[in-house]
Protein backbone atom coordinates (compact mmCIF):
# COMPACT_ATOMS: atom_id res chain seq x y z
CA MET A 1 -0.30 -0.10 0.18
CA MET A 2 0.87 3.30 -1.08
CA ASN A 3 1.68 5.99 1.44
CA CYS A 4 1.38 9.71 1.37
CA ARG A 5 4.74 10.73 1.02
CA GLU A 6 4.79 8.03 -1.75
CA ALA A 7 1.80 9.41 -3.33
CA THR A 8 2.90 13.04 -3.16
CA GLN A 9 6.24 12.30 -4.75
CA LEU A 10 4.76 10.27 -7.80
CA MET A 11 2.22 13.31 -8.35
CA SER A 12 5.35 15.61 -8.65
CA ALA A 13 6.95 13.11 -10.89
CA SER A 14 3.77 13.23 -13.01
CA GLN A 15 4.61 16.70 -13.92
CA GLU A 16 8.09 15.62 -15.33
CA ARG A 17 7.17 12.42 -16.91
CA GLU A 18 4.60 9.84 -18.10
CA LEU A 19 3.82 7.58 -15.06
CA SER A 20 4.15 3.44 -15.45
CA LEU A 21 0.49 1.88 -15.32
CA ALA A 22 1.41 0.17 -11.81
CA GLU A 23 2.60 4.00 -10.14
CA ARG A 24 -1.30 5.16 -12.16
CA MET A 25 -3.32 2.51 -10.37
CA SER A 26 -1.24 2.49 -7.24
CA LEU A 27 -1.94 6.35 -6.76
CA GLY A 28 -5.48 6.29 -8.10
CA VAL A 29 -6.56 3.44 -5.64
CA HIS A 30 -4.26 5.63 -2.59
CA THR A 31 -6.20 9.37 -3.79
CA MET A 32 -9.34 7.40 -3.76
CA MET A 33 -8.75 6.25 0.11
CA CYS A 34 -7.03 9.63 1.16
CA LYS A 35 -9.05 12.44 1.08
CA GLY A 36 -5.76 14.84 1.98
CA CYS A 37 -3.83 13.45 -1.33
CA HIS A 38 -6.88 13.88 -3.38
CA ASN A 39 -7.11 17.69 -2.24
CA TYR A 40 -3.21 17.72 -3.01
CA LYS A 41 -4.07 16.47 -6.54
CA GLN A 42 -6.58 18.82 -7.39
CA GLN A 43 -4.73 21.69 -5.90
CA MET A 44 -1.66 20.89 -7.82
CA GLY A 45 -3.49 20.49 -11.33
CA THR A 46 -5.37 24.22 -10.31
CA LEU A 47 -2.31 25.50 -9.70
CA ARG A 48 -0.89 24.06 -13.12
CA THR A 49 -3.95 25.89 -14.78
CA ILE A 50 -3.57 28.83 -13.61
CA THR A 51 0.39 29.03 -14.19
CA ARG A 52 -0.35 28.08 -17.82
CA ALA A 53 -2.80 30.63 -18.01
CA TYR A 54 -0.38 33.32 -16.54
CA ALA A 55 2.29 32.37 -18.82
CA LYS A 56 -0.15 32.27 -21.86
CA GLY A 57 -1.04 36.15 -20.94
CA LYS A 58 2.62 36.98 -20.15
CA ASN A 59 3.61 35.84 -23.93
CA GLU A 60 0.32 37.66 -25.45
CA GLN A 61 1.46 40.93 -23.60
CA LEU A 62 5.34 40.71 -24.75
CA GLU A 63 3.94 39.85 -28.41
CA ASN A 64 1.26 42.86 -28.31
CA LYS A 65 4.38 44.99 -27.11
CA SER A 66 6.07 44.11 -30.64
């Protein structure tokens, strides 16, 4: 059984690489059972979305200055 530390490490790793099927399955089971890790995963997704939107806005601002 995966613990919370391993789960959060996999969540971070998933931002850099594709997780294996076994990793995705283990993480999925853990996040279904652990409310804290489930919330953490959602927060990471939200932060990623916000960061991408911010970066896109910055790029558009730079393009408009040209």
